[in-house]
Amino acid sequence: MGNDFVKVELSQFMVAAIMQKFALYDEDGDLITDADEYGPIVVEGRLVTDERN
């Protein structure tokens, strides 16, 4: 069926809310940025068209 991913635009408020709920921190309180530590997160939003095309 092809690519199931779409580009969505998130406000900074939504990014902060997602980080607050899903971000993982190590024992020193630093944000874990290793992709292997995270599973997918479903985000709802409006489709953003690529204005360059």
C-alpha atoms as a PDB file:
ATOM      1  CA  MET A   1       0.000   0.000   0.000  1.00  0.00           C
ATOM      2  CA  GLY A   2       2.984   2.349   0.095  1.00  0.00           C
ATOM      3  CA  ASN A   3       4.004   4.917   2.642  1.00  0.00           C
ATOM      4  CA  ASP A   4       1.606   5.185   5.589  1.00  0.00           C
ATOM      5  CA  PHE A   5       3.335   8.290   6.981  1.00  0.00           C
ATOM      6  CA  VAL A   6       2.163  11.846   6.467  1.00  0.00           C
ATOM      7  CA  LYS A   7       3.745  15.136   7.455  1.00  0.00           C
ATOM      8  CA  VAL A   8       1.874  16.972  10.216  1.00  0.00           C
ATOM      9  CA  GLU A   9       2.541  20.309  11.854  1.00  0.00           C
ATOM     10  CA  LEU A  10       2.748  20.374  15.662  1.00  0.00           C
ATOM     11  CA  SER A  11       2.628  23.485  17.784  1.00  0.00           C
ATOM     12  CA  GLN A  12       5.352  23.985  20.375  1.00  0.00           C
ATOM     13  CA  PHE A  13       2.660  23.376  22.997  1.00  0.00           C
ATOM     14  CA  MET A  14       1.966  19.921  21.535  1.00  0.00           C
ATOM     15  CA  VAL A  15       5.682  19.080  21.364  1.00  0.00           C
ATOM     16  CA  ALA A  16       6.053  20.050  25.036  1.00  0.00           C
ATOM     17  CA  ALA A  17       2.975  17.982  25.978  1.00  0.00           C
ATOM     18  CA  ILE A  18       4.303  14.932  24.110  1.00  0.00           C
ATOM     19  CA  MET A  19       7.713  15.265  25.759  1.00  0.00           C
ATOM     20  CA  GLN A  20       6.123  15.634  29.191  1.00  0.00           C
ATOM     21  CA  LYS A  21       4.129  12.439  28.707  1.00  0.00           C
ATOM     22  CA  PHE A  22       6.539  10.233  26.751  1.00  0.00           C
ATOM     23  CA  ALA A  23      10.136  11.448  27.198  1.00  0.00           C
ATOM     24  CA  LEU A  24      12.562   9.201  29.034  1.00  0.00           C
ATOM     25  CA  TYR A  25      15.380  10.475  31.219  1.00  0.00           C
ATOM     26  CA  ASP A  26      18.473   8.694  32.505  1.00  0.00           C
ATOM     27  CA  GLU A  27      19.567   8.527  36.139  1.00  0.00           C
ATOM     28  CA  ASP A  28      21.297  11.918  35.792  1.00  0.00           C
ATOM     29  CA  GLY A  29      18.093  13.558  34.578  1.00  0.00           C
ATOM     30  CA  ASP A  30      19.331  13.924  30.996  1.00  0.00           C
ATOM     31  CA  LEU A  31      16.928  13.326  28.121  1.00  0.00           C
ATOM     32  CA  ILE A  32      17.466   9.959  26.434  1.00  0.00           C
ATOM     33  CA  THR A  33      17.753  10.588  22.705  1.00  0.00           C
ATOM     34  CA  ASP A  34      18.621   7.040  21.608  1.00  0.00           C
ATOM     35  CA  ALA A  35      15.878   5.947  19.203  1.00  0.00           C
ATOM     36  CA  ASP A  36      16.027   2.340  20.466  1.00  0.00           C
ATOM     37  CA  GLU A  37      14.528   3.476  23.781  1.00  0.00           C
ATOM     38  CA  TYR A  38      11.312   4.744  22.178  1.00  0.00           C
ATOM     39  CA  GLY A  39       8.359   3.141  20.440  1.00  0.00           C
ATOM     40  CA  PRO A  40       6.120   4.903  17.934  1.00  0.00           C
ATOM     41  CA  ILE A  41       3.713   7.601  19.121  1.00  0.00           C
ATOM     42  CA  VAL A  42       0.489   8.189  17.201  1.00  0.00           C
ATOM     43  CA  VAL A  43      -0.133  11.877  16.594  1.00  0.00           C
ATOM     44  CA  GLU A  44      -3.290  13.344  15.130  1.00  0.00           C
ATOM     45  CA  GLY A  45      -3.119  16.527  13.137  1.00  0.00           C
ATOM     46  CA  ARG A  46      -3.913  18.201   9.867  1.00  0.00           C
ATOM     47  CA  LEU A  47      -2.036  17.245   6.739  1.00  0.00           C
ATOM     48  CA  VAL A  48       0.677  19.743   5.791  1.00  0.00           C
ATOM     49  CA  THR A  49       1.349  20.114   2.093  1.00  0.00           C
ATOM     50  CA  ASP A  50       4.874  20.467   0.853  1.00  0.00           C
ATOM     51  CA  GLU A  51       4.849  23.998  -0.546  1.00  0.00           C
ATOM     52  CA  ARG A  52       8.147  23.470  -2.383  1.00  0.00           C
ATOM     53  CA  ASN A  53       6.482  21.251  -5.004  1.00  0.00           C
END
